[in-house]
PDB file of all heavy atoms in Angstrom:
ATOM      1  N   LEU A   1       7.929 -25.851  -7.822  1.00  0.00           N
ATOM      2  CA  LEU A   1       6.799 -25.375  -7.020  1.00  0.00           C
ATOM      3  C   LEU A   1       7.120 -25.212  -5.545  1.00  0.00           C
ATOM      4  O   LEU A   1       6.867 -24.138  -4.981  1.00  0.00           O
ATOM      5  CB  LEU A   1       5.602 -26.310  -7.205  1.00  0.00           C
ATOM      6  CG  LEU A   1       4.317 -25.908  -6.468  1.00  0.00           C
ATOM      7  CD1 LEU A   1       3.870 -24.516  -6.893  1.00  0.00           C
ATOM      8  CD2 LEU A   1       3.204 -26.921  -6.732  1.00  0.00           C
ATOM      9  N   PRO A   2       7.687 -26.218  -4.846  1.00  0.00           N
ATOM     10  CA  PRO A   2       7.954 -26.019  -3.415  1.00  0.00           C
ATOM     11  C   PRO A   2       8.911 -24.861  -3.157  1.00  0.00           C
ATOM     12  O   PRO A   2       8.669 -24.020  -2.285  1.00  0.00           O
ATOM     13  CB  PRO A   2       8.559 -27.362  -2.971  1.00  0.00           C
ATOM     14  CG  PRO A   2       8.104 -28.338  -3.992  1.00  0.00           C
ATOM     15  CD  PRO A   2       8.046 -27.574  -5.279  1.00  0.00           C
ATOM     16  N   GLY A   3      10.009 -24.795  -3.915  1.00  0.00           N
ATOM     17  CA  GLY A   3      10.967 -23.714  -3.721  1.00  0.00           C
ATOM     18  C   GLY A   3      10.356 -22.354  -3.977  1.00  0.00           C
ATOM     19  O   GLY A   3      10.593 -21.397  -3.230  1.00  0.00           O
ATOM     20  N   ALA A   4       9.563 -22.236  -5.033  1.00  0.00           N
ATOM     21  CA  ALA A   4       8.923 -20.961  -5.342  1.00  0.00           C
ATOM     22  C   ALA A   4       7.948 -20.551  -4.244  1.00  0.00           C
ATOM     23  O   ALA A   4       7.902 -19.383  -3.840  1.00  0.00           O
ATOM     24  CB  ALA A   4       8.199 -21.049  -6.685  1.00  0.00           C
ATOM     25  N   LEU A   5       7.167 -21.500  -3.746  1.00  0.00           N
ATOM     26  CA  LEU A   5       6.220 -21.192  -2.678  1.00  0.00           C
ATOM     27  C   LEU A   5       6.935 -20.775  -1.402  1.00  0.00           C
ATOM     28  O   LEU A   5       6.519 -19.828  -0.720  1.00  0.00           O
ATOM     29  CB  LEU A   5       5.317 -22.394  -2.410  1.00  0.00           C
ATOM     30  CG  LEU A   5       4.264 -22.697  -3.474  1.00  0.00           C
ATOM     31  CD1 LEU A   5       3.475 -23.946  -3.109  1.00  0.00           C
ATOM     32  CD2 LEU A   5       3.304 -21.511  -3.642  1.00  0.00           C
ATOM     33  N   PHE A   6       8.029 -21.452  -1.058  1.00  0.00           N
ATOM     34  CA  PHE A   6       8.789 -21.084   0.137  1.00  0.00           C
ATOM     35  C   PHE A   6       9.408 -19.694  -0.039  1.00  0.00           C
ATOM     36  O   PHE A   6       9.427 -18.888   0.901  1.00  0.00           O
ATOM     37  CB  PHE A   6       9.888 -22.112   0.416  1.00  0.00           C
ATOM     38  CG  PHE A   6       9.357 -23.478   0.788  1.00  0.00           C
ATOM     39  CD1 PHE A   6      10.149 -24.609   0.631  1.00  0.00           C
ATOM     40  CD2 PHE A   6       8.082 -23.638   1.282  1.00  0.00           C
ATOM     41  CE1 PHE A   6       9.669 -25.870   0.957  1.00  0.00           C
ATOM     42  CE2 PHE A   6       7.583 -24.900   1.609  1.00  0.00           C
ATOM     43  CZ  PHE A   6       8.384 -26.015   1.456  1.00  0.00           C
ATOM     44  N   ASN A   7       9.921 -19.415  -1.236  1.00  0.00           N
ATOM     45  CA  ASN A   7      10.489 -18.090  -1.497  1.00  0.00           C
ATOM     46  C   ASN A   7       9.420 -16.996  -1.378  1.00  0.00           C
ATOM     47  O   ASN A   7       9.640 -15.965  -0.740  1.00  0.00           O
ATOM     48  CB  ASN A   7      11.103 -18.057  -2.901  1.00  0.00           C
ATOM     49  CG  ASN A   7      12.472 -18.695  -2.944  1.00  0.00           C
ATOM     50  OD1 ASN A   7      13.211 -18.686  -1.974  1.00  0.00           O
ATOM     51  ND2 ASN A   7      12.821 -19.275  -4.085  1.00  0.00           N
ATOM     52  N   VAL A   8       8.288 -17.228  -2.014  1.00  0.00           N
ATOM     53  CA  VAL A   8       7.226 -16.219  -2.003  1.00  0.00           C
ATOM     54  C   VAL A   8       6.668 -16.030  -0.593  1.00  0.00           C
ATOM     55  O   VAL A   8       6.412 -14.900  -0.163  1.00  0.00           O
ATOM     56  CB  VAL A   8       6.105 -16.609  -2.987  1.00  0.00           C
ATOM     57  CG1 VAL A   8       4.895 -15.695  -2.833  1.00  0.00           C
ATOM     58  CG2 VAL A   8       6.618 -16.554  -4.423  1.00  0.00           C
ATOM     59  N   ALA A   9       6.493 -17.129   0.139  1.00  0.00           N
ATOM     60  CA  ALA A   9       5.968 -17.029   1.495  1.00  0.00           C
ATOM     61  C   ALA A   9       6.921 -16.258   2.402  1.00  0.00           C
ATOM     62  O   ALA A   9       6.501 -15.389   3.183  1.00  0.00           O
ATOM     63  CB  ALA A   9       5.721 -18.422   2.065  1.00  0.00           C
ATOM     64  N   GLY A  10       8.220 -16.543   2.302  1.00  0.00           N
ATOM     65  CA  GLY A  10       9.194 -15.830   3.120  1.00  0.00           C
ATOM     66  C   GLY A  10       9.264 -14.357   2.767  1.00  0.00           C
ATOM     67  O   GLY A  10       9.275 -13.487   3.656  1.00  0.00           O
ATOM     68  N   ALA A  11       9.310 -14.049   1.464  1.00  0.00           N
ATOM     69  CA  ALA A  11       9.395 -12.657   1.035  1.00  0.00           C
ATOM     70  C   ALA A  11       8.136 -11.886   1.415  1.00  0.00           C
ATOM     71  O   ALA A  11       8.210 -10.722   1.850  1.00  0.00           O
ATOM     72  CB  ALA A  11       9.615 -12.589  -0.473  1.00  0.00           C
ATOM     73  N   THR A  12       6.967 -12.505   1.268  1.00  0.00           N
ATOM     74  CA  THR A  12       5.715 -11.835   1.612  1.00  0.00           C
ATOM     75  C   THR A  12       5.635 -11.563   3.109  1.00  0.00           C
ATOM     76  O   THR A  12       5.206 -10.466   3.534  1.00  0.00           O
ATOM     77  CB  THR A  12       4.512 -12.687   1.178  1.00  0.00           C
ATOM     78  OG1 THR A  12       4.576 -12.903  -0.239  1.00  0.00           O
ATOM     79  CG2 THR A  12       3.203 -11.995   1.514  1.00  0.00           C
ATOM     80  N   THR A  13       6.050 -12.519   3.929  1.00  0.00           N
ATOM     81  CA  THR A  13       6.041 -12.316   5.379  1.00  0.00           C
ATOM     82  C   THR A  13       6.947 -11.159   5.771  1.00  0.00           C
ATOM     83  O   THR A  13       6.568 -10.289   6.568  1.00  0.00           O
ATOM     84  CB  THR A  13       6.491 -13.600   6.099  1.00  0.00           C
ATOM     85  OG1 THR A  13       5.622 -14.677   5.754  1.00  0.00           O
ATOM     86  CG2 THR A  13       6.475 -13.404   7.609  1.00  0.00           C
ATOM     87  N   GLY A  14       8.146 -11.126   5.211  1.00  0.00           N
ATOM     88  CA  GLY A  14       9.059 -10.021   5.504  1.00  0.00           C
ATOM     89  C   GLY A  14       8.518  -8.688   5.035  1.00  0.00           C
ATOM     90  O   GLY A  14       8.653  -7.667   5.727  1.00  0.00           O
ATOM     91  N   ALA A  15       7.900  -8.668   3.854  1.00  0.00           N
ATOM     92  CA  ALA A  15       7.319  -7.430   3.331  1.00  0.00           C
ATOM     93  C   ALA A  15       6.203  -6.924   4.231  1.00  0.00           C
ATOM     94  O   ALA A  15       6.079  -5.711   4.479  1.00  0.00           O
ATOM     95  CB  ALA A  15       6.800  -7.658   1.912  1.00  0.00           C
ATOM     96  N   ILE A  16       5.382  -7.831   4.742  1.00  0.00           N
ATOM     97  CA  ILE A  16       4.290  -7.440   5.639  1.00  0.00           C
ATOM     98  C   ILE A  16       4.845  -6.837   6.923  1.00  0.00           C
ATOM     99  O   ILE A  16       4.330  -5.823   7.433  1.00  0.00           O
ATOM    100  CB  ILE A  16       3.386  -8.650   5.947  1.00  0.00           C
ATOM    101  CG1 ILE A  16       2.577  -9.032   4.703  1.00  0.00           C
ATOM    102  CG2 ILE A  16       2.447  -8.354   7.110  1.00  0.00           C
ATOM    103  CD1 ILE A  16       1.774 -10.310   4.859  1.00  0.00           C
ATOM    104  N   LEU A  17       5.900  -7.435   7.470  1.00  0.00           N
ATOM    105  CA  LEU A  17       6.502  -6.902   8.696  1.00  0.00           C
ATOM    106  C   LEU A  17       7.044  -5.491   8.469  1.00  0.00           C
ATOM    107  O   LEU A  17       6.853  -4.600   9.311  1.00  0.00           O
ATOM    108  CB  LEU A  17       7.621  -7.834   9.175  1.00  0.00           C
ATOM    109  CG  LEU A  17       7.181  -9.216   9.662  1.00  0.00           C
ATOM    110  CD1 LEU A  17       8.397 -10.078   9.981  1.00  0.00           C
ATOM    111  CD2 LEU A  17       6.276  -9.100  10.883  1.00  0.00           C
ATOM    112  N   LEU A  18       7.714  -5.281   7.331  1.00  0.00           N
ATOM    113  CA  LEU A  18       8.229  -3.956   7.016  1.00  0.00           C
ATOM    114  C   LEU A  18       7.090  -2.971   6.779  1.00  0.00           C
ATOM    115  O   LEU A  18       7.147  -1.805   7.207  1.00  0.00           O
ATOM    116  CB  LEU A  18       9.135  -4.032   5.786  1.00  0.00           C
ATOM    117  CG  LEU A  18       9.830  -2.738   5.361  1.00  0.00           C
ATOM    118  CD1 LEU A  18      10.649  -2.152   6.498  1.00  0.00           C
ATOM    119  CD2 LEU A  18      10.715  -2.988   4.144  1.00  0.00           C
ATOM    120  N   PHE A  19       6.048  -3.422   6.102  1.00  0.00           N
ATOM    121  CA  PHE A  19       4.855  -2.610   5.855  1.00  0.00           C
ATOM    122  C   PHE A  19       4.237  -2.135   7.176  1.00  0.00           C
ATOM    123  O   PHE A  19       3.923  -0.944   7.354  1.00  0.00           O
ATOM    124  CB  PHE A  19       3.859  -3.452   5.056  1.00  0.00           C
ATOM    125  CG  PHE A  19       2.490  -2.851   4.884  1.00  0.00           C
ATOM    126  CD1 PHE A  19       2.201  -2.025   3.806  1.00  0.00           C
ATOM    127  CD2 PHE A  19       1.467  -3.132   5.777  1.00  0.00           C
ATOM    128  CE1 PHE A  19       0.928  -1.495   3.635  1.00  0.00           C
ATOM    129  CE2 PHE A  19       0.196  -2.612   5.611  1.00  0.00           C
ATOM    130  CZ  PHE A  19      -0.065  -1.779   4.545  1.00  0.00           C
ATOM    131  N   LEU A  20       4.073  -3.043   8.123  1.00  0.00           N
ATOM    132  CA  LEU A  20       3.467  -2.696   9.409  1.00  0.00           C
ATOM    133  C   LEU A  20       4.361  -1.764  10.212  1.00  0.00           C
ATOM    134  O   LEU A  20       3.877  -0.826  10.854  1.00  0.00           O
ATOM    135  CB  LEU A  20       3.176  -3.974  10.206  1.00  0.00           C
ATOM    136  CG  LEU A  20       2.094  -4.885   9.633  1.00  0.00           C
ATOM    137  CD1 LEU A  20       1.996  -6.176  10.442  1.00  0.00           C
ATOM    138  CD2 LEU A  20       0.739  -4.173   9.607  1.00  0.00           C
ATOM    139  N   ALA A  21       5.670  -1.997  10.168  1.00  0.00           N
ATOM    140  CA  ALA A  21       6.594  -1.126  10.901  1.00  0.00           C
ATOM    141  C   ALA A  21       6.566   0.288  10.338  1.00  0.00           C
ATOM    142  O   ALA A  21       6.569   1.273  11.083  1.00  0.00           O
ATOM    143  CB  ALA A  21       8.014  -1.702  10.832  1.00  0.00           C
ATOM    144  N   ALA A  22       6.519   0.404   9.001  1.00  0.00           N
ATOM    145  CA  ALA A  22       6.480   1.721   8.376  1.00  0.00           C
ATOM    146  C   ALA A  22       5.179   2.438   8.683  1.00  0.00           C
ATOM    147  O   ALA A  22       5.168   3.632   8.993  1.00  0.00           O
ATOM    148  CB  ALA A  22       6.674   1.580   6.864  1.00  0.00           C
ATOM    149  N   ARG A  23       4.073   1.712   8.612  1.00  0.00           N
ATOM    150  CA  ARG A  23       2.778   2.331   8.889  1.00  0.00           C
ATOM    151  C   ARG A  23       2.693   2.817  10.335  1.00  0.00           C
ATOM    152  O   ARG A  23       2.207   3.904  10.616  1.00  0.00           O
ATOM    153  CB  ARG A  23       1.656   1.338   8.595  1.00  0.00           C
ATOM    154  CG  ARG A  23       0.291   1.793   9.107  1.00  0.00           C
ATOM    155  CD  ARG A  23      -0.823   0.910   8.621  1.00  0.00           C
ATOM    156  NE  ARG A  23      -1.049   1.110   7.193  1.00  0.00           N
ATOM    157  CZ  ARG A  23      -1.980   0.468   6.489  1.00  0.00           C
ATOM    158  NH1 ARG A  23      -2.745  -0.430   7.073  1.00  0.00           N
ATOM    159  NH2 ARG A  23      -2.146   0.714   5.210  1.00  0.00           N
ATOM    160  N   TRP A  24       3.158   1.994  11.254  1.00  0.00           N
ATOM    161  CA  TRP A  24       3.049   2.336  12.673  1.00  0.00           C
ATOM    162  C   TRP A  24       4.039   3.429  13.058  1.00  0.00           C
ATOM    163  O   TRP A  24       3.741   4.309  13.851  1.00  0.00           O
ATOM    164  CB  TRP A  24       3.298   1.089  13.523  1.00  0.00           C
ATOM    165  CG  TRP A  24       2.871   1.243  14.947  1.00  0.00           C
ATOM    166  CD1 TRP A  24       1.612   1.490  15.399  1.00  0.00           C
ATOM    167  CD2 TRP A  24       3.695   1.163  16.102  1.00  0.00           C
ATOM    168  NE1 TRP A  24       1.596   1.564  16.777  1.00  0.00           N
ATOM    169  CE2 TRP A  24       2.867   1.348  17.235  1.00  0.00           C
ATOM    170  CE3 TRP A  24       5.053   0.910  16.304  1.00  0.00           C
ATOM    171  CZ2 TRP A  24       3.351   1.327  18.542  1.00  0.00           C
ATOM    172  CZ3 TRP A  24       5.535   0.876  17.602  1.00  0.00           C
ATOM    173  CH2 TRP A  24       4.697   1.086  18.702  1.00  0.00           C
ATOM    174  N   GLY A  25       5.243   3.388  12.474  1.00  0.00           N
ATOM    175  CA  GLY A  25       6.281   4.305  12.902  1.00  0.00           C
ATOM    176  C   GLY A  25       6.300   5.636  12.193  1.00  0.00           C
ATOM    177  O   GLY A  25       6.687   6.648  12.779  1.00  0.00           O
ATOM    178  N   LEU A  26       5.887   5.667  10.928  1.00  0.00           N
ATOM    179  CA  LEU A  26       5.980   6.898  10.153  1.00  0.00           C
ATOM    180  C   LEU A  26       4.618   7.508   9.868  1.00  0.00           C
ATOM    181  O   LEU A  26       4.402   8.692  10.100  1.00  0.00           O
ATOM    182  CB  LEU A  26       6.723   6.638   8.841  1.00  0.00           C
ATOM    183  CG  LEU A  26       8.173   6.186   8.996  1.00  0.00           C
ATOM    184  CD1 LEU A  26       8.760   5.870   7.635  1.00  0.00           C
ATOM    185  CD2 LEU A  26       8.995   7.252   9.687  1.00  0.00           C
ATOM    186  N   GLY A  27       3.733   6.683   9.339  1.00  0.00           N
ATOM    187  CA  GLY A  27       2.360   7.121   9.132  1.00  0.00           C
ATOM    188  C   GLY A  27       2.226   8.407   8.355  1.00  0.00           C
ATOM    189  O   GLY A  27       2.858   8.622   7.332  1.00  0.00           O
ATOM    190  N   GLN A  28       1.425   9.303   8.894  1.00  0.00           N
ATOM    191  CA  GLN A  28       1.031  10.506   8.175  1.00  0.00           C
ATOM    192  C   GLN A  28       2.182  11.485   7.983  1.00  0.00           C
ATOM    193  O   GLN A  28       2.204  12.235   7.013  1.00  0.00           O
ATOM    194  CB  GLN A  28      -0.111  11.209   8.932  1.00  0.00           C
ATOM    195  CG  GLN A  28      -0.750  12.357   8.158  1.00  0.00           C
ATOM    196  CD  GLN A  28      -1.333  11.881   6.819  1.00  0.00           C
ATOM    197  OE1 GLN A  28      -1.914  10.809   6.749  1.00  0.00           O
ATOM    198  NE2 GLN A  28      -1.157  12.682   5.775  1.00  0.00           N
ATOM    199  N   ALA A  29       3.147  11.470   8.881  1.00  0.00           N
ATOM    200  CA  ALA A  29       4.242  12.439   8.790  1.00  0.00           C
ATOM    201  C   ALA A  29       5.007  12.301   7.482  1.00  0.00           C
ATOM    202  O   ALA A  29       5.219  13.280   6.758  1.00  0.00           O
ATOM    203  CB  ALA A  29       5.193  12.268   9.974  1.00  0.00           C
ATOM    204  N   LEU A  30       5.414  11.078   7.150  1.00  0.00           N
ATOM    205  CA  LEU A  30       6.155  10.866   5.909  1.00  0.00           C
ATOM    206  C   LEU A  30       5.240  10.957   4.699  1.00  0.00           C
ATOM    207  O   LEU A  30       5.656  11.409   3.631  1.00  0.00           O
ATOM    208  CB  LEU A  30       6.865   9.515   5.939  1.00  0.00           C
ATOM    209  CG  LEU A  30       7.820   9.241   4.780  1.00  0.00           C
ATOM    210  CD1 LEU A  30       8.861  10.345   4.671  1.00  0.00           C
ATOM    211  CD2 LEU A  30       8.492   7.890   4.954  1.00  0.00           C
ATOM    212  N   ALA A  31       3.993  10.545   4.842  1.00  0.00           N
ATOM    213  CA  ALA A  31       3.054  10.654   3.728  1.00  0.00           C
ATOM    214  C   ALA A  31       2.896  12.117   3.304  1.00  0.00           C
ATOM    215  O   ALA A  31       2.789  12.428   2.118  1.00  0.00           O
ATOM    216  CB  ALA A  31       1.709  10.068   4.126  1.00  0.00           C
ATOM    217  N   THR A  32       2.883  13.036   4.270  1.00  0.00           N
ATOM    218  CA  THR A  32       2.781  14.461   3.964  1.00  0.00           C
ATOM    219  C   THR A  32       3.994  14.946   3.197  1.00  0.00           C
ATOM    220  O   THR A  32       3.885  15.712   2.239  1.00  0.00           O
ATOM    221  CB  THR A  32       2.626  15.270   5.261  1.00  0.00           C
ATOM    222  OG1 THR A  32       1.457  14.817   5.956  1.00  0.00           O
ATOM    223  CG2 THR A  32       2.484  16.754   4.965  1.00  0.00           C
ATOM    224  N   ARG A  33       5.177  14.476   3.597  1.00  0.00           N
ATOM    225  CA  ARG A  33       6.395  14.848   2.876  1.00  0.00           C
ATOM    226  C   ARG A  33       6.378  14.307   1.449  1.00  0.00           C
ATOM    227  O   ARG A  33       6.829  14.980   0.512  1.00  0.00           O
ATOM    228  CB  ARG A  33       7.626  14.312   3.607  1.00  0.00           C
ATOM    229  CG  ARG A  33       7.894  14.996   4.938  1.00  0.00           C
ATOM    230  CD  ARG A  33       9.212  14.522   5.516  1.00  0.00           C
ATOM    231  NE  ARG A  33       9.480  15.147   6.793  1.00  0.00           N
ATOM    232  CZ  ARG A  33      10.601  14.951   7.499  1.00  0.00           C
ATOM    233  NH1 ARG A  33      11.530  14.139   7.026  1.00  0.00           N
ATOM    234  NH2 ARG A  33      10.765  15.551   8.661  1.00  0.00           N
ATOM    235  N   MET A  34       5.874  13.095   1.288  1.00  0.00           N
ATOM    236  CA  MET A  34       5.806  12.511  -0.044  1.00  0.00           C
ATOM    237  C   MET A  34       4.865  13.294  -0.942  1.00  0.00           C
ATOM    238  O   MET A  34       5.087  13.429  -2.145  1.00  0.00           O
ATOM    239  CB  MET A  34       5.373  11.054   0.041  1.00  0.00           C
ATOM    240  CG  MET A  34       6.408  10.133   0.686  1.00  0.00           C
ATOM    241  SD  MET A  34       5.776   8.480   0.983  1.00  0.00           S
ATOM    242  CE  MET A  34       5.451   7.952  -0.690  1.00  0.00           C
TER     243      MET A  34
END
């Protein structure tokens, strides 16, 4: 349990940071290409 929670918490935090960077930096421009 502790190891799994630490793994999930770290991975989720990193994913959120990448999510925010992508949203702020690319936004609608890349969404249109997709």
